[in-house]
Amino acid sequence: MVFPNPDAVLRLATAAFAELHDGWTLSPGRCLSEESMAAVYTNTDTTTLPTTTND
């Protein structure tokens, strides 16, 4: 048995996720550059979706 009880698994998972969260919130860098985000938001597609009716 790797873990002695379910509480030990929960403590390990909580610590791992807390460390990941700190890495995301404290890092000065970005995952996507401003140029790549600008490309996402310059989409000029004007396609409209069909309307639906609730009969």
Protein backbone atom coordinates (compact mmCIF):
# COMPACT_ATOMS: atom_id res chain seq x y z
CA MET A 1 0.00 0.00 0.00
CA VAL A 2 1.48 3.31 -1.07
CA PHE A 3 -0.62 5.59 1.12
CA PRO A 4 -1.59 4.66 4.67
CA ASN A 5 -5.08 6.18 4.42
CA PRO A 6 -7.29 8.40 2.22
CA ASP A 7 -6.38 11.50 4.25
CA ALA A 8 -2.73 11.10 3.22
CA VAL A 9 -3.71 11.07 -0.46
CA LEU A 10 -5.83 14.18 0.05
CA ARG A 11 -2.97 16.02 1.78
CA LEU A 12 -0.56 15.17 -1.03
CA ALA A 13 -2.99 16.22 -3.77
CA THR A 14 -3.85 19.45 -1.95
CA ALA A 15 -0.18 20.35 -1.55
CA ALA A 16 0.54 19.60 -5.22
CA PHE A 17 -2.36 21.72 -6.46
CA ALA A 18 -1.51 24.55 -4.08
CA GLU A 19 2.03 24.63 -5.45
CA LEU A 20 0.76 24.65 -9.03
CA HIS A 21 -1.62 27.49 -8.20
CA ASP A 22 1.18 29.53 -6.64
CA GLY A 23 3.29 29.01 -9.73
CA TRP A 24 0.55 30.40 -11.96
CA THR A 25 -0.33 33.38 -9.80
CA LEU A 26 3.20 34.44 -8.86
CA SER A 27 4.97 34.04 -12.18
CA PRO A 28 5.53 37.27 -14.07
CA GLY A 29 5.46 35.54 -17.45
CA ARG A 30 2.50 34.69 -19.60
CA CYS A 31 1.54 31.45 -21.25
CA LEU A 32 0.47 33.25 -24.40
CA SER A 33 2.17 36.31 -25.79
CA GLU A 34 0.33 39.53 -26.56
CA GLU A 35 0.81 38.84 -30.27
CA SER A 36 -0.85 35.44 -30.11
CA MET A 37 -3.74 36.81 -28.05
CA ALA A 38 -4.19 39.64 -30.55
CA ALA A 39 -4.50 37.07 -33.32
CA VAL A 40 -7.28 35.35 -31.39
CA TYR A 41 -9.26 38.54 -30.90
CA THR A 42 -8.91 39.84 -34.45
CA ASN A 43 -11.30 37.25 -35.81
CA THR A 44 -13.61 39.08 -38.20
CA ASP A 45 -15.95 36.17 -38.77
CA THR A 46 -19.49 37.51 -38.83
CA THR A 47 -21.25 34.17 -39.09
CA THR A 48 -24.48 34.14 -37.14
CA LEU A 49 -26.07 31.12 -35.63
CA PRO A 50 -29.65 30.25 -36.52
CA THR A 51 -32.26 31.20 -33.98
CA THR A 52 -34.20 28.54 -32.17
CA THR A 53 -37.75 28.52 -31.04
CA ASN A 54 -39.19 26.88 -27.99
CA ASP A 55 -42.43 25.34 -29.19
